[in-house]
Protein backbone atom coordinates (compact mmCIF):
# COMPACT_ATOMS: atom_id res chain seq x y z
CA MET A 1 -49.10 -14.94 -43.43
CA VAL A 2 -47.38 -16.87 -40.63
CA GLU A 3 -44.62 -18.75 -42.36
CA THR A 4 -41.68 -18.70 -39.96
CA THR A 5 -41.07 -18.56 -36.26
CA GLN A 6 -39.90 -14.99 -36.64
CA ASP A 7 -43.37 -14.05 -37.91
CA ILE A 8 -44.86 -15.62 -34.78
CA LEU A 9 -42.38 -13.68 -32.63
CA LEU A 10 -43.29 -10.39 -34.34
CA LEU A 11 -47.00 -11.20 -33.93
CA ALA A 12 -46.45 -11.89 -30.19
CA LYS A 13 -44.48 -8.64 -29.84
CA SER A 14 -47.23 -6.67 -31.56
CA PHE A 15 -49.87 -8.16 -29.22
CA GLY A 16 -47.62 -7.38 -26.25
CA ILE A 17 -47.22 -3.79 -27.39
CA LEU A 18 -50.99 -3.59 -27.91
CA TRP A 19 -51.68 -4.80 -24.35
CA VAL A 20 -49.03 -2.50 -22.86
CA SER A 21 -50.48 0.48 -24.73
CA ILE A 22 -54.02 -0.43 -23.55
CA PHE A 23 -52.70 -0.74 -19.99
CA PHE A 24 -50.96 2.65 -20.10
CA GLY A 25 -54.01 4.23 -21.73
CA LEU A 26 -56.26 2.98 -18.92
CA LEU A 27 -53.64 3.97 -16.34
CA PHE A 28 -53.52 7.54 -17.65
CA PHE A 29 -57.32 7.64 -17.85
CA TYR A 30 -57.73 6.60 -14.20
CA LEU A 31 -54.97 8.98 -13.10
CA ALA A 32 -56.76 11.81 -14.92
CA MET A 33 -60.04 10.85 -13.20
CA MET A 34 -58.31 10.84 -9.79
CA VAL A 35 -56.80 14.28 -10.43
CA ARG A 36 -60.21 15.54 -11.60
CA GLN A 37 -61.88 14.22 -8.44
CA ALA A 38 -59.18 15.81 -6.27
CA TYR A 39 -59.66 19.12 -8.09
CA ARG A 40 -63.42 18.98 -7.53
CA MET A 41 -62.88 18.19 -3.86
CA MET A 42 -60.48 21.13 -3.47
CA GLN A 43 -62.94 23.40 -5.29
CA GLU A 44 -65.72 22.31 -2.92
CA MET A 45 -63.54 22.94 0.13
CA ARG A 46 -62.57 26.36 -1.27
CA ASP A 47 -66.27 27.19 -1.68
CA ARG A 48 -66.99 26.10 1.89
CA PHE A 49 -64.12 28.20 3.26
CA ASN A 50 -65.35 31.19 1.25
CA LYS A 51 -68.84 30.75 2.74
CA VAL A 52 -67.42 30.57 6.27
CA ASP A 53 -65.25 33.61 5.56
CA THR A 54 -68.28 35.51 4.26
CA ILE A 55 -70.28 34.61 7.37
CA ILE A 56 -67.45 35.76 9.64
CA LYS A 57 -67.06 39.03 7.73
CA ASP A 58 -70.82 39.67 7.87
CA CYS A 59 -70.90 39.02 11.62
CA TYR A 60 -67.92 41.30 12.11
CA SER A 61 -69.48 44.10 10.07
CA LYS A 62 -72.77 43.76 11.98
CA MET A 63 -70.92 43.84 15.29
CA ASP A 64 -68.90 46.82 14.10
CA ALA A 65 -72.05 48.66 13.03
CA GLY A 66 -73.69 47.78 16.34
CA MET A 67 -70.70 48.98 18.29
CA SER A 68 -70.64 52.30 16.46
CA GLY A 69 -74.26 52.77 17.46
CA PHE A 70 -73.40 51.72 20.99
CA ILE A 71 -70.80 54.49 21.18
CA TYR A 72 -73.50 57.07 20.50
CA VAL A 73 -75.75 55.46 23.11
CA ALA A 74 -72.89 55.44 25.62
CA ASP A 75 -72.19 59.12 24.94
CA GLY A 76 -75.87 59.89 25.45
CA VAL A 77 -75.97 57.97 28.72
CA LYS A 78 -72.82 59.74 29.88
CA LEU A 79 -74.36 63.10 29.06
CA LEU A 80 -77.56 62.11 30.87
CA VAL A 81 -75.63 61.00 33.96
CA ASP A 82 -73.62 64.24 33.97
CA THR A 83 -76.84 66.25 33.69
CA LEU A 84 -78.44 64.28 36.52
CA LYS A 85 -75.35 64.79 38.69
CA LYS A 86 -75.43 68.53 38.08
CA ARG A 87 -79.13 68.61 38.84
CA ASN A 88 -78.58 66.57 42.02
CA ILE A 89 -75.75 68.88 43.12
CA ILE A 90 -77.95 71.93 42.54
CA LYS A 91 -80.83 70.36 44.48
CA THR A 92 -78.56 69.42 47.39
CA LYS A 93 -77.20 72.99 47.50
CA GLU A 94 -80.73 74.37 47.52
CA LYS A 95 -81.70 72.00 50.34
CA ALA A 96 -78.61 73.00 52.28
CA LYS A 97 -79.50 76.68 51.91
CA LYS A 98 -83.06 76.08 53.10
CA LYS A 99 -81.92 74.37 56.29
């Protein structure tokens, strides 16, 4: 099996290639795990931003719905104030006529 020094050299080269291939295999494995972890982290952040965006949109829609109702209330109050002003003007005219 090992008869000459060249056989020993080839055996040493083959072990070297084996160790280099194991090293690169582990290197690629750990790089893949790091990329996987980074992807999971980005996915989690994306989910969090989507939740915050959903909350903001819900608050905006509730405020928008509340404001549309407020417009009707404001119109009603304006109409009530106008009616009260007219009534007050009529009453003051009647009082002025009585005096």
